[in-house]
Amino acid sequence: YVLGHSWAQSKLVFNPLSERATREIDERHPQMEHGVATYAVHGLNGYRVTLRTPNGTLTYLVRRAFAVRKQLAGDVGSVMANIPDRVVLITCAVGGGTDLDYNIIVYAYLISSVATRAP
């Protein structure tokens, strides 16, 4: 899990991701998951997430992203599911200079792992 801040009052690390996702929230067409309304964000699918660690570089491909009301995010069963080779990005929703009552959740799956070479 990678949690990053988004805030309408300042440019924070996940603001660009959040702002892009927020433009797609369509409350008229929820997708229900475990009784919780989620709102698909297709525009992030296909993006790559690169994590650099002391042991190497991991590259993930975004396969699903969605918005969910903040108070219900913990009720979406797939968020807390233990899925090998998956990273979950979570941030607050911001759009149009306003903080919104959603979290943006992104699921990305490992496509490459490159070990750091020893000196």
PDB file of N, CA and C in Angstrom:
ATOM      1  N   TYR A   1       0.846  -1.176   0.000  1.00  0.00           N
ATOM      2  CA  TYR A   1       0.000   0.000   0.000  1.00  0.00           C
ATOM      3  C   TYR A   1       0.885   1.230   0.000  1.00  0.00           C
ATOM      4  N   VAL A   2       0.509   2.175  -0.850  1.00  0.00           N
ATOM      5  CA  VAL A   2       1.191   3.460  -0.892  1.00  0.00           C
ATOM      6  C   VAL A   2       0.115   4.522  -0.713  1.00  0.00           C
ATOM      7  N   LEU A   3       0.199   5.238   0.390  1.00  0.00           N
ATOM      8  CA  LEU A   3      -0.736   6.320   0.646  1.00  0.00           C
ATOM      9  C   LEU A   3      -0.011   7.635   0.406  1.00  0.00           C
ATOM     10  N   GLY A   4      -0.631   8.506  -0.372  1.00  0.00           N
ATOM     11  CA  GLY A   4      -0.020   9.793  -0.673  1.00  0.00           C
ATOM     12  C   GLY A   4      -1.053  10.891  -0.560  1.00  0.00           C
ATOM     13  N   HIS A   5      -0.573  12.060  -0.217  1.00  0.00           N
ATOM     14  CA  HIS A   5      -1.479  13.181  -0.015  1.00  0.00           C
ATOM     15  C   HIS A   5      -1.885  13.846  -1.321  1.00  0.00           C
ATOM     16  N   SER A   6      -3.128  14.282  -1.334  1.00  0.00           N
ATOM     17  CA  SER A   6      -3.661  15.206  -2.332  1.00  0.00           C
ATOM     18  C   SER A   6      -4.429  16.256  -1.541  1.00  0.00           C
ATOM     19  N   TRP A   7      -4.264  17.503  -1.925  1.00  0.00           N
ATOM     20  CA  TRP A   7      -4.926  18.583  -1.202  1.00  0.00           C
ATOM     21  C   TRP A   7      -5.107  19.741  -2.148  1.00  0.00           C
ATOM     22  N   ALA A   8      -6.303  20.282  -2.199  1.00  0.00           N
ATOM     23  CA  ALA A   8      -6.618  21.356  -3.137  1.00  0.00           C
ATOM     24  C   ALA A   8      -5.841  22.639  -2.845  1.00  0.00           C
ATOM     25  N   GLN A   9      -5.394  22.820  -1.613  1.00  0.00           N
ATOM     26  CA  GLN A   9      -4.732  24.057  -1.221  1.00  0.00           C
ATOM     27  C   GLN A   9      -3.239  24.091  -1.520  1.00  0.00           C
ATOM     28  N   SER A  10      -2.690  22.963  -1.951  1.00  0.00           N
ATOM     29  CA  SER A  10      -1.259  22.895  -2.198  1.00  0.00           C
ATOM     30  C   SER A  10      -0.980  21.774  -3.197  1.00  0.00           C
ATOM     31  N   LYS A  11       0.102  21.896  -3.930  1.00  0.00           N
ATOM     32  CA  LYS A  11       0.472  20.843  -4.871  1.00  0.00           C
ATOM     33  C   LYS A  11       1.241  19.760  -4.117  1.00  0.00           C
ATOM     34  N   LEU A  12       0.561  18.641  -3.889  1.00  0.00           N
ATOM     35  CA  LEU A  12       1.168  17.532  -3.173  1.00  0.00           C
ATOM     36  C   LEU A  12       1.405  16.355  -4.122  1.00  0.00           C
ATOM     37  N   VAL A  13       2.073  15.328  -3.632  1.00  0.00           N
ATOM     38  CA  VAL A  13       2.608  14.259  -4.466  1.00  0.00           C
ATOM     39  C   VAL A  13       1.563  13.570  -5.350  1.00  0.00           C
ATOM     40  N   PHE A  14       0.367  13.331  -4.852  1.00  0.00           N
ATOM     41  CA  PHE A  14      -0.632  12.613  -5.641  1.00  0.00           C
ATOM     42  C   PHE A  14      -1.683  13.523  -6.266  1.00  0.00           C
ATOM     43  N   ASN A  15      -1.511  14.840  -6.185  1.00  0.00           N
ATOM     44  CA  ASN A  15      -2.490  15.735  -6.804  1.00  0.00           C
ATOM     45  C   ASN A  15      -2.719  15.443  -8.285  1.00  0.00           C
ATOM     46  N   PRO A  16      -1.677  15.278  -9.106  1.00  0.00           N
ATOM     47  CA  PRO A  16      -1.936  15.019 -10.525  1.00  0.00           C
ATOM     48  C   PRO A  16      -2.760  13.746 -10.756  1.00  0.00           C
ATOM     49  N   LEU A  17      -2.446  12.669 -10.044  1.00  0.00           N
ATOM     50  CA  LEU A  17      -3.212  11.430 -10.156  1.00  0.00           C
ATOM     51  C   LEU A  17      -4.657  11.679  -9.738  1.00  0.00           C
ATOM     52  N   SER A  18      -4.844  12.332  -8.607  1.00  0.00           N
ATOM     53  CA  SER A  18      -6.178  12.571  -8.078  1.00  0.00           C
ATOM     54  C   SER A  18      -7.007  13.454  -9.009  1.00  0.00           C
ATOM     55  N   GLU A  19      -6.412  14.530  -9.490  1.00  0.00           N
ATOM     56  CA  GLU A  19      -7.153  15.446 -10.360  1.00  0.00           C
ATOM     57  C   GLU A  19      -7.578  14.755 -11.648  1.00  0.00           C
ATOM     58  N   ARG A  20      -6.705  13.946 -12.210  1.00  0.00           N
ATOM     59  CA  ARG A  20      -7.059  13.210 -13.438  1.00  0.00           C
ATOM     60  C   ARG A  20      -8.206  12.241 -13.164  1.00  0.00           C
ATOM     61  N   ALA A  21      -8.103  11.499 -12.080  1.00  0.00           N
ATOM     62  CA  ALA A  21      -9.142  10.524 -11.738  1.00  0.00           C
ATOM     63  C   ALA A  21     -10.467  11.207 -11.425  1.00  0.00           C
ATOM     64  N   THR A  22     -10.421  12.289 -10.706  1.00  0.00           N
ATOM     65  CA  THR A  22     -11.629  12.975 -10.270  1.00  0.00           C
ATOM     66  C   THR A  22     -12.473  13.454 -11.450  1.00  0.00           C
ATOM     67  N   ARG A  23     -11.836  13.803 -12.538  1.00  0.00           N
ATOM     68  CA  ARG A  23     -12.587  14.250 -13.721  1.00  0.00           C
ATOM     69  C   ARG A  23     -13.520  13.167 -14.259  1.00  0.00           C
ATOM     70  N   GLU A  24     -13.266  11.908 -13.913  1.00  0.00           N
ATOM     71  CA  GLU A  24     -14.073  10.807 -14.427  1.00  0.00           C
ATOM     72  C   GLU A  24     -15.180  10.343 -13.485  1.00  0.00           C
ATOM     73  N   ILE A  25     -15.229  10.852 -12.274  1.00  0.00           N
ATOM     74  CA  ILE A  25     -16.249  10.394 -11.334  1.00  0.00           C
ATOM     75  C   ILE A  25     -17.631  10.719 -11.894  1.00  0.00           C
ATOM     76  N   ASP A  26     -18.441   9.689 -12.056  1.00  0.00           N
ATOM     77  CA  ASP A  26     -19.797   9.834 -12.573  1.00  0.00           C
ATOM     78  C   ASP A  26     -20.739   9.163 -11.585  1.00  0.00           C
ATOM     79  N   GLU A  27     -21.327   9.968 -10.715  1.00  0.00           N
ATOM     80  CA  GLU A  27     -22.192   9.420  -9.670  1.00  0.00           C
ATOM     81  C   GLU A  27     -23.454   8.759 -10.224  1.00  0.00           C
ATOM     82  N   ARG A  28     -23.757   8.987 -11.493  1.00  0.00           N
ATOM     83  CA  ARG A  28     -24.954   8.392 -12.094  1.00  0.00           C
ATOM     84  C   ARG A  28     -24.749   6.913 -12.424  1.00  0.00           C
ATOM     85  N   HIS A  29     -23.483   6.459 -12.476  1.00  0.00           N
ATOM     86  CA  HIS A  29     -23.205   5.086 -12.888  1.00  0.00           C
ATOM     87  C   HIS A  29     -22.265   4.369 -11.909  1.00  0.00           C
ATOM     88  N   PRO A  30     -22.729   4.145 -10.687  1.00  0.00           N
ATOM     89  CA  PRO A  30     -21.871   3.426  -9.736  1.00  0.00           C
ATOM     90  C   PRO A  30     -21.749   1.956 -10.092  1.00  0.00           C
ATOM     91  N   GLN A  31     -20.640   1.379  -9.684  1.00  0.00           N
ATOM     92  CA  GLN A  31     -20.440  -0.063  -9.763  1.00  0.00           C
ATOM     93  C   GLN A  31     -20.401  -0.557  -8.322  1.00  0.00           C
ATOM     94  N   MET A  32     -21.270  -1.467  -7.987  1.00  0.00           N
ATOM     95  CA  MET A  32     -21.364  -1.930  -6.612  1.00  0.00           C
ATOM     96  C   MET A  32     -20.326  -3.020  -6.344  1.00  0.00           C
ATOM     97  N   GLU A  33     -19.631  -2.887  -5.222  1.00  0.00           N
ATOM     98  CA  GLU A  33     -18.676  -3.901  -4.781  1.00  0.00           C
ATOM     99  C   GLU A  33     -18.899  -4.130  -3.295  1.00  0.00           C
ATOM    100  N   HIS A  34     -19.351  -5.323  -2.951  1.00  0.00           N
ATOM    101  CA  HIS A  34     -19.647  -5.673  -1.561  1.00  0.00           C
ATOM    102  C   HIS A  34     -20.637  -4.675  -0.959  1.00  0.00           C
ATOM    103  N   GLY A  35     -21.599  -4.232  -1.758  1.00  0.00           N
ATOM    104  CA  GLY A  35     -22.624  -3.304  -1.284  1.00  0.00           C
ATOM    105  C   GLY A  35     -22.181  -1.850  -1.222  1.00  0.00           C
ATOM    106  N   VAL A  36     -21.003  -1.557  -1.733  1.00  0.00           N
ATOM    107  CA  VAL A  36     -20.468  -0.194  -1.698  1.00  0.00           C
ATOM    108  C   VAL A  36     -20.404   0.354  -3.127  1.00  0.00           C
ATOM    109  N   ALA A  37     -20.890   1.574  -3.305  1.00  0.00           N
ATOM    110  CA  ALA A  37     -20.825   2.217  -4.613  1.00  0.00           C
ATOM    111  C   ALA A  37     -19.405   2.688  -4.900  1.00  0.00           C
ATOM    112  N   THR A  38     -18.858   2.239  -6.026  1.00  0.00           N
ATOM    113  CA  THR A  38     -17.563   2.724  -6.499  1.00  0.00           C
ATOM    114  C   THR A  38     -17.783   3.333  -7.870  1.00  0.00           C
ATOM    115  N   TYR A  39     -16.861   4.204  -8.276  1.00  0.00           N
ATOM    116  CA  TYR A  39     -16.995   4.926  -9.539  1.00  0.00           C
ATOM    117  C   TYR A  39     -15.722   4.708 -10.351  1.00  0.00           C
ATOM    118  N   ALA A  40     -15.878   3.985 -11.445  1.00  0.00           N
ATOM    119  CA  ALA A  40     -14.727   3.582 -12.261  1.00  0.00           C
ATOM    120  C   ALA A  40     -13.972   4.790 -12.804  1.00  0.00           C
ATOM    121  N   VAL A  41     -12.649   4.628 -12.845  1.00  0.00           N
ATOM    122  CA  VAL A  41     -11.743   5.620 -13.434  1.00  0.00           C
ATOM    123  C   VAL A  41     -10.902   4.870 -14.460  1.00  0.00           C
ATOM    124  N   HIS A  42     -11.327   4.902 -15.701  1.00  0.00           N
ATOM    125  CA  HIS A  42     -10.643   4.147 -16.758  1.00  0.00           C
ATOM    126  C   HIS A  42      -9.401   4.858 -17.284  1.00  0.00           C
ATOM    127  N   GLY A  43      -9.327   6.163 -17.112  1.00  0.00           N
ATOM    128  CA  GLY A  43      -8.232   6.942 -17.679  1.00  0.00           C
ATOM    129  C   GLY A  43      -6.861   6.643 -17.112  1.00  0.00           C
ATOM    130  N   LEU A  44      -6.793   5.949 -15.987  1.00  0.00           N
ATOM    131  CA  LEU A  44      -5.498   5.593 -15.399  1.00  0.00           C
ATOM    132  C   LEU A  44      -5.031   4.208 -15.823  1.00  0.00           C
ATOM    133  N   ASN A  45      -5.937   3.405 -16.384  1.00  0.00           N
ATOM    134  CA  ASN A  45      -5.562   2.054 -16.821  1.00  0.00           C
ATOM    135  C   ASN A  45      -4.452   2.129 -17.856  1.00  0.00           C
ATOM    136  N   GLY A  46      -3.457   1.264 -17.680  1.00  0.00           N
ATOM    137  CA  GLY A  46      -2.326   1.239 -18.601  1.00  0.00           C
ATOM    138  C   GLY A  46      -1.134   2.065 -18.139  1.00  0.00           C
ATOM    139  N   TYR A  47      -1.334   2.937 -17.151  1.00  0.00           N
ATOM    140  CA  TYR A  47      -0.199   3.702 -16.624  1.00  0.00           C
ATOM    141  C   TYR A  47       0.734   2.768 -15.871  1.00  0.00           C
ATOM    142  N   ARG A  48       1.985   3.151 -15.824  1.00  0.00           N
ATOM    143  CA  ARG A  48       2.988   2.379 -15.086  1.00  0.00           C
ATOM    144  C   ARG A  48       3.334   3.095 -13.782  1.00  0.00           C
ATOM    145  N   VAL A  49       3.550   2.288 -12.767  1.00  0.00           N
ATOM    146  CA  VAL A  49       3.981   2.766 -11.459  1.00  0.00           C
ATOM    147  C   VAL A  49       5.338   2.133 -11.208  1.00  0.00           C
ATOM    148  N   THR A  50       6.347   2.957 -10.954  1.00  0.00           N
ATOM    149  CA  THR A  50       7.700   2.461 -10.716  1.00  0.00           C
ATOM    150  C   THR A  50       8.085   2.732  -9.271  1.00  0.00           C
ATOM    151  N   LEU A  51       8.474   1.687  -8.581  1.00  0.00           N
ATOM    152  CA  LEU A  51       8.943   1.807  -7.202  1.00  0.00           C
ATOM    153  C   LEU A  51      10.401   1.392  -7.158  1.00  0.00           C
ATOM    154  N   ARG A  52      11.229   2.294  -6.660  1.00  0.00           N
ATOM    155  CA  ARG A  52      12.656   1.997  -6.527  1.00  0.00           C
ATOM    156  C   ARG A  52      12.958   1.688  -5.067  1.00  0.00           C
ATOM    157  N   THR A  53      13.618   0.565  -4.856  1.00  0.00           N
ATOM    158  CA  THR A  53      13.972   0.136  -3.508  1.00  0.00           C
ATOM    159  C   THR A  53      15.481  -0.062  -3.455  1.00  0.00           C
ATOM    160  N   PRO A  54      16.052  -0.243  -2.276  1.00  0.00           N
ATOM    161  CA  PRO A  54      17.491  -0.519  -2.194  1.00  0.00           C
ATOM    162  C   PRO A  54      17.879  -1.807  -2.934  1.00  0.00           C
ATOM    163  N   ASN A  55      16.926  -2.712  -3.123  1.00  0.00           N
ATOM    164  CA  ASN A  55      17.222  -3.998  -3.769  1.00  0.00           C
ATOM    165  C   ASN A  55      16.919  -4.018  -5.260  1.00  0.00           C
ATOM    166  N   GLY A  56      16.273  -2.976  -5.765  1.00  0.00           N
ATOM    167  CA  GLY A  56      15.963  -2.978  -7.188  1.00  0.00           C
ATOM    168  C   GLY A  56      14.765  -2.121  -7.525  1.00  0.00           C
ATOM    169  N   THR A  57      14.304  -2.270  -8.767  1.00  0.00           N
ATOM    170  CA  THR A  57      13.192  -1.477  -9.282  1.00  0.00           C
ATOM    171  C   THR A  57      12.033  -2.406  -9.637  1.00  0.00           C
ATOM    172  N   LEU A  58      10.867  -2.040  -9.149  1.00  0.00           N
ATOM    173  CA  LEU A  58       9.645  -2.790  -9.422  1.00  0.00           C
ATOM    174  C   LEU A  58       8.750  -1.932 -10.305  1.00  0.00           C
ATOM    175  N   THR A  59       8.234  -2.512 -11.374  1.00  0.00           N
ATOM    176  CA  THR A  59       7.339  -1.781 -12.262  1.00  0.00           C
ATOM    177  C   THR A  59       5.986  -2.479 -12.270  1.00  0.00           C
ATOM    178  N   TYR A  60       4.952  -1.689 -12.080  1.00  0.00           N
ATOM    179  CA  TYR A  60       3.586  -2.180 -12.015  1.00  0.00           C
ATOM    180  C   TYR A  60       2.755  -1.523 -13.112  1.00  0.00           C
ATOM    181  N   LEU A  61       1.710  -2.222 -13.559  1.00  0.00           N
ATOM    182  CA  LEU A  61       0.801  -1.707 -14.565  1.00  0.00           C
ATOM    183  C   LEU A  61      -0.574  -1.524 -13.928  1.00  0.00           C
ATOM    184  N   VAL A  62      -1.147  -0.328 -14.079  1.00  0.00           N
ATOM    185  CA  VAL A  62      -2.470  -0.046 -13.525  1.00  0.00           C
ATOM    186  C   VAL A  62      -3.522  -0.794 -14.334  1.00  0.00           C
ATOM    187  N   ARG A  63      -4.328  -1.583 -13.627  1.00  0.00           N
ATOM    188  CA  ARG A  63      -5.405  -2.334 -14.271  1.00  0.00           C
ATOM    189  C   ARG A  63      -6.780  -1.907 -13.794  1.00  0.00           C
ATOM    190  N   ARG A  64      -6.832  -1.228 -12.649  1.00  0.00           N
ATOM    191  CA  ARG A  64      -8.129  -0.762 -12.144  1.00  0.00           C
ATOM    192  C   ARG A  64      -7.915   0.448 -11.254  1.00  0.00           C
ATOM    193  N   ALA A  65      -8.802   1.414 -11.403  1.00  0.00           N
ATOM    194  CA  ALA A  65      -8.820   2.575 -10.518  1.00  0.00           C
ATOM    195  C   ALA A  65     -10.276   2.970 -10.320  1.00  0.00           C
ATOM    196  N   PHE A  66     -10.556   3.503  -9.141  1.00  0.00           N
ATOM    197  CA  PHE A  66     -11.929   3.921  -8.866  1.00  0.00           C
ATOM    198  C   PHE A  66     -11.951   4.937  -7.736  1.00  0.00           C
ATOM    199  N   ALA A  67     -13.076   5.625  -7.650  1.00  0.00           N
ATOM    200  CA  ALA A  67     -13.333   6.528  -6.541  1.00  0.00           C
ATOM    201  C   ALA A  67     -14.364   5.873  -5.632  1.00  0.00           C
ATOM    202  N   VAL A  68     -14.277   6.180  -4.350  1.00  0.00           N
ATOM    203  CA  VAL A  68     -15.234   5.663  -3.370  1.00  0.00           C
ATOM    204  C   VAL A  68     -15.347   6.715  -2.265  1.00  0.00           C
ATOM    205  N   ARG A  69     -16.525   6.844  -1.706  1.00  0.00           N
ATOM    206  CA  ARG A  69     -16.699   7.775  -0.584  1.00  0.00           C
ATOM    207  C   ARG A  69     -15.712   7.412   0.528  1.00  0.00           C
ATOM    208  N   LYS A  70     -15.086   8.450   1.100  1.00  0.00           N
ATOM    209  CA  LYS A  70     -14.038   8.211   2.104  1.00  0.00           C
ATOM    210  C   LYS A  70     -14.496   7.299   3.233  1.00  0.00           C
ATOM    211  N   GLN A  71     -15.680   7.542   3.754  1.00  0.00           N
ATOM    212  CA  GLN A  71     -16.139   6.768   4.907  1.00  0.00           C
ATOM    213  C   GLN A  71     -16.451   5.317   4.557  1.00  0.00           C
ATOM    214  N   LEU A  72     -16.500   4.978   3.258  1.00  0.00           N
ATOM    215  CA  LEU A  72     -16.810   3.613   2.838  1.00  0.00           C
ATOM    216  C   LEU A  72     -15.612   2.863   2.252  1.00  0.00           C
ATOM    217  N   ALA A  73     -14.494   3.521   2.103  1.00  0.00           N
ATOM    218  CA  ALA A  73     -13.339   2.903   1.438  1.00  0.00           C
ATOM    219  C   ALA A  73     -12.920   1.598   2.110  1.00  0.00           C
ATOM    220  N   GLY A  74     -12.961   1.540   3.412  1.00  0.00           N
ATOM    221  CA  GLY A  74     -12.576   0.328   4.135  1.00  0.00           C
ATOM    222  C   GLY A  74     -13.547  -0.826   3.958  1.00  0.00           C
ATOM    223  N   ASP A  75     -14.746  -0.533   3.441  1.00  0.00           N
ATOM    224  CA  ASP A  75     -15.754  -1.569   3.232  1.00  0.00           C
ATOM    225  C   ASP A  75     -15.649  -2.238   1.867  1.00  0.00           C
ATOM    226  N   VAL A  76     -14.783  -1.718   1.000  1.00  0.00           N
ATOM    227  CA  VAL A  76     -14.588  -2.327  -0.319  1.00  0.00           C
ATOM    228  C   VAL A  76     -13.640  -3.506  -0.121  1.00  0.00           C
ATOM    229  N   GLY A  77     -14.177  -4.716  -0.238  1.00  0.00           N
ATOM    230  CA  GLY A  77     -13.413  -5.923   0.078  1.00  0.00           C
ATOM    231  C   GLY A  77     -12.115  -6.065  -0.680  1.00  0.00           C
ATOM    232  N   SER A  78     -12.077  -5.647  -1.939  1.00  0.00           N
ATOM    233  CA  SER A  78     -10.864  -5.836  -2.735  1.00  0.00           C
ATOM    234  C   SER A  78      -9.717  -4.942  -2.280  1.00  0.00           C
ATOM    235  N   VAL A  79     -10.013  -3.867  -1.569  1.00  0.00           N
ATOM    236  CA  VAL A  79      -8.940  -2.971  -1.118  1.00  0.00           C
ATOM    237  C   VAL A  79      -8.000  -3.703  -0.166  1.00  0.00           C
ATOM    238  N   MET A  80      -8.563  -4.430   0.771  1.00  0.00           N
ATOM    239  CA  MET A  80      -7.748  -5.091   1.786  1.00  0.00           C
ATOM    240  C   MET A  80      -7.371  -6.524   1.426  1.00  0.00           C
ATOM    241  N   ALA A  81      -7.814  -6.996   0.277  1.00  0.00           N
ATOM    242  CA  ALA A  81      -7.481  -8.368  -0.134  1.00  0.00           C
ATOM    243  C   ALA A  81      -5.974  -8.507  -0.322  1.00  0.00           C
ATOM    244  N   ASN A  82      -5.438  -9.622   0.136  1.00  0.00           N
ATOM    245  CA  ASN A  82      -4.015  -9.906  -0.010  1.00  0.00           C
ATOM    246  C   ASN A  82      -3.805 -10.548  -1.376  1.00  0.00           C
ATOM    247  N   ILE A  83      -3.357  -9.758  -2.337  1.00  0.00           N
ATOM    248  CA  ILE A  83      -3.177 -10.228  -3.706  1.00  0.00           C
ATOM    249  C   ILE A  83      -1.697 -10.108  -4.058  1.00  0.00           C
ATOM    250  N   PRO A  84      -1.037 -11.234  -4.316  1.00  0.00           N
ATOM    251  CA  PRO A  84       0.395 -11.187  -4.647  1.00  0.00           C
ATOM    252  C   PRO A  84       0.669 -10.302  -5.859  1.00  0.00           C
ATOM    253  N   ASP A  85       1.812  -9.632  -5.820  1.00  0.00           N
ATOM    254  CA  ASP A  85       2.310  -8.814  -6.930  1.00  0.00           C
ATOM    255  C   ASP A  85       1.407  -7.634  -7.258  1.00  0.00           C
ATOM    256  N   ARG A  86       0.641  -7.158  -6.276  1.00  0.00           N
ATOM    257  CA  ARG A  86      -0.216  -5.999  -6.474  1.00  0.00           C
ATOM    258  C   ARG A  86       0.211  -4.899  -5.523  1.00  0.00           C
ATOM    259  N   VAL A  87       0.190  -3.675  -6.011  1.00  0.00           N
ATOM    260  CA  VAL A  87       0.374  -2.514  -5.154  1.00  0.00           C
ATOM    261  C   VAL A  87      -0.914  -1.702  -5.234  1.00  0.00           C
ATOM    262  N   VAL A  88      -1.310  -1.127  -4.091  1.00  0.00           N
ATOM    263  CA  VAL A  88      -2.523  -0.327  -4.004  1.00  0.00           C
ATOM    264  C   VAL A  88      -2.109   1.100  -3.659  1.00  0.00           C
ATOM    265  N   LEU A  89      -2.500   2.045  -4.509  1.00  0.00           N
ATOM    266  CA  LEU A  89      -2.261   3.461  -4.254  1.00  0.00           C
ATOM    267  C   LEU A  89      -3.563   4.061  -3.744  1.00  0.00           C
ATOM    268  N   ILE A  90      -3.483   4.863  -2.699  1.00  0.00           N
ATOM    269  CA  ILE A  90      -4.673   5.493  -2.124  1.00  0.00           C
ATOM    270  C   ILE A  90      -4.376   6.962  -1.865  1.00  0.00           C
ATOM    271  N   THR A  91      -5.297   7.827  -2.296  1.00  0.00           N
ATOM    272  CA  THR A  91      -5.170   9.252  -2.048  1.00  0.00           C
ATOM    273  C   THR A  91      -6.556   9.872  -1.942  1.00  0.00           C
ATOM    274  N   CYS A  92      -6.607  11.097  -1.484  1.00  0.00           N
ATOM    275  CA  CYS A  92      -7.862  11.842  -1.431  1.00  0.00           C
ATOM    276  C   CYS A  92      -8.169  12.403  -2.814  1.00  0.00           C
ATOM    277  N   ALA A  93      -9.450  12.664  -3.052  1.00  0.00           N
ATOM    278  CA  ALA A  93      -9.871  13.245  -4.325  1.00  0.00           C
ATOM    279  C   ALA A  93      -9.865  14.762  -4.229  1.00  0.00           C
ATOM    280  N   VAL A  94      -9.270  15.377  -5.231  1.00  0.00           N
ATOM    281  CA  VAL A  94      -9.322  16.834  -5.373  1.00  0.00           C
ATOM    282  C   VAL A  94      -9.689  17.138  -6.820  1.00  0.00           C
ATOM    283  N   GLY A  95     -10.422  18.211  -6.997  1.00  0.00           N
ATOM    284  CA  GLY A  95     -10.788  18.611  -8.347  1.00  0.00           C
ATOM    285  C   GLY A  95     -11.358  20.012  -8.352  1.00  0.00           C
ATOM    286  N   GLY A  96     -10.986  20.776  -9.349  1.00  0.00           N
ATOM    287  CA  GLY A  96     -11.505  22.131  -9.471  1.00  0.00           C
ATOM    288  C   GLY A  96     -11.183  23.011  -8.285  1.00  0.00           C
ATOM    289  N   GLY A  97     -10.029  22.770  -7.662  1.00  0.00           N
ATOM    290  CA  GLY A  97      -9.632  23.581  -6.510  1.00  0.00           C
ATOM    291  C   GLY A  97     -10.370  23.241  -5.228  1.00  0.00           C
ATOM    292  N   THR A  98     -11.009  22.068  -5.182  1.00  0.00           N
ATOM    293  CA  THR A  98     -11.809  21.674  -4.026  1.00  0.00           C
ATOM    294  C   THR A  98     -11.416  20.271  -3.556  1.00  0.00           C
ATOM    295  N   ASP A  99     -11.379  20.086  -2.248  1.00  0.00           N
ATOM    296  CA  ASP A  99     -11.206  18.759  -1.669  1.00  0.00           C
ATOM    297  C   ASP A  99     -12.571  18.075  -1.692  1.00  0.00           C
ATOM    298  N   LEU A 100     -12.615  16.837  -2.163  1.00  0.00           N
ATOM    299  CA  LEU A 100     -13.869  16.115  -2.317  1.00  0.00           C
ATOM    300  C   LEU A 100     -13.966  14.964  -1.327  1.00  0.00           C
ATOM    301  N   ASP A 101     -15.175  14.461  -1.114  1.00  0.00           N
ATOM    302  CA  ASP A 101     -15.417  13.415  -0.131  1.00  0.00           C
ATOM    303  C   ASP A 101     -15.220  12.011  -0.719  1.00  0.00           C
ATOM    304  N   TYR A 102     -14.169  11.855  -1.508  1.00  0.00           N
ATOM    305  CA  TYR A 102     -13.840  10.566  -2.110  1.00  0.00           C
ATOM    306  C   TYR A 102     -12.382  10.227  -1.830  1.00  0.00           C
ATOM    307  N   ASN A 103     -12.088   8.941  -1.872  1.00  0.00           N
ATOM    308  CA  ASN A 103     -10.719   8.470  -2.007  1.00  0.00           C
ATOM    309  C   ASN A 103     -10.586   7.930  -3.422  1.00  0.00           C
ATOM    310  N   ILE A 104      -9.404   8.105  -3.990  1.00  0.00           N
ATOM    311  CA  ILE A 104      -9.062   7.499  -5.264  1.00  0.00           C
ATOM    312  C   ILE A 104      -8.204   6.285  -4.934  1.00  0.00           C
ATOM    313  N   ILE A 105      -8.593   5.139  -5.467  1.00  0.00           N
ATOM    314  CA  ILE A 105      -7.876   3.889  -5.199  1.00  0.00           C
ATOM    315  C   ILE A 105      -7.439   3.294  -6.527  1.00  0.00           C
ATOM    316  N   VAL A 106      -6.167   2.928  -6.593  1.00  0.00           N
ATOM    317  CA  VAL A 106      -5.570   2.415  -7.826  1.00  0.00           C
ATOM    318  C   VAL A 106      -4.948   1.055  -7.537  1.00  0.00           C
ATOM    319  N   TYR A 107      -5.265   0.073  -8.390  1.00  0.00           N
ATOM    320  CA  TYR A 107      -4.652  -1.252  -8.300  1.00  0.00           C
ATOM    321  C   TYR A 107      -3.698  -1.412  -9.474  1.00  0.00           C
ATOM    322  N   ALA A 108      -2.448  -1.724  -9.162  1.00  0.00           N
ATOM    323  CA  ALA A 108      -1.441  -1.951 -10.203  1.00  0.00           C
ATOM    324  C   ALA A 108      -0.754  -3.282  -9.909  1.00  0.00           C
ATOM    325  N   TYR A 109      -0.398  -3.986 -10.972  1.00  0.00           N
ATOM    326  CA  TYR A 109       0.133  -5.341 -10.854  1.00  0.00           C
ATOM    327  C   TYR A 109       1.544  -5.416 -11.426  1.00  0.00           C
ATOM    328  N   LEU A 110       2.392  -6.168 -10.744  1.00  0.00           N
ATOM    329  CA  LEU A 110       3.804  -6.279 -11.089  1.00  0.00           C
ATOM    330  C   LEU A 110       3.991  -6.822 -12.508  1.00  0.00           C
ATOM    331  N   ILE A 111       4.786  -6.089 -13.306  1.00  0.00           N
ATOM    332  CA  ILE A 111       5.123  -6.562 -14.654  1.00  0.00           C
ATOM    333  C   ILE A 111       6.625  -6.701 -14.845  1.00  0.00           C
ATOM    334  N   SER A 112       7.413  -6.114 -13.920  1.00  0.00           N
ATOM    335  CA  SER A 112       8.872  -6.199 -14.059  1.00  0.00           C
ATOM    336  C   SER A 112       9.525  -5.996 -12.699  1.00  0.00           C
ATOM    337  N   SER A 113      10.597  -6.774 -12.481  1.00  0.00           N
ATOM    338  CA  SER A 113      11.387  -6.674 -11.267  1.00  0.00           C
ATOM    339  C   SER A 113      12.856  -6.768 -11.664  1.00  0.00           C
ATOM    340  N   VAL A 114      13.604  -5.703 -11.424  1.00  0.00           N
ATOM    341  CA  VAL A 114      15.015  -5.677 -11.812  1.00  0.00           C
ATOM    342  C   VAL A 114      15.844  -5.442 -10.559  1.00  0.00           C
ATOM    343  N   ALA A 115      16.694  -6.399 -10.235  1.00  0.00           N
ATOM    344  CA  ALA A 115      17.543  -6.296  -9.039  1.00  0.00           C
ATOM    345  C   ALA A 115      18.647  -5.266  -9.264  1.00  0.00           C
ATOM    346  N   THR A 116      18.997  -4.587  -8.184  1.00  0.00           N
ATOM    347  CA  THR A 116      20.117  -3.664  -8.212  1.00  0.00           C
ATOM    348  C   THR A 116      21.411  -4.473  -8.247  1.00  0.00           C
ATOM    349  N   ARG A 117      22.295  -4.093  -9.119  1.00  0.00           N
ATOM    350  CA  ARG A 117      23.580  -4.811  -9.196  1.00  0.00           C
ATOM    351  C   ARG A 117      24.494  -4.339  -8.087  1.00  0.00           C
ATOM    352  N   ALA A 118      25.162  -5.286  -7.462  1.00  0.00           N
ATOM    353  CA  ALA A 118      26.110  -4.968  -6.400  1.00  0.00           C
ATOM    354  C   ALA A 118      27.339  -4.290  -7.018  1.00  0.00           C
ATOM    355  N   PRO A 119      27.916  -3.303  -6.308  1.00  0.00           N
ATOM    356  CA  PRO A 119      29.110  -2.605  -6.856  1.00  0.00           C
ATOM    357  C   PRO A 119      30.322  -3.497  -6.991  1.00  0.00           C
TER     358      PRO A 119
END
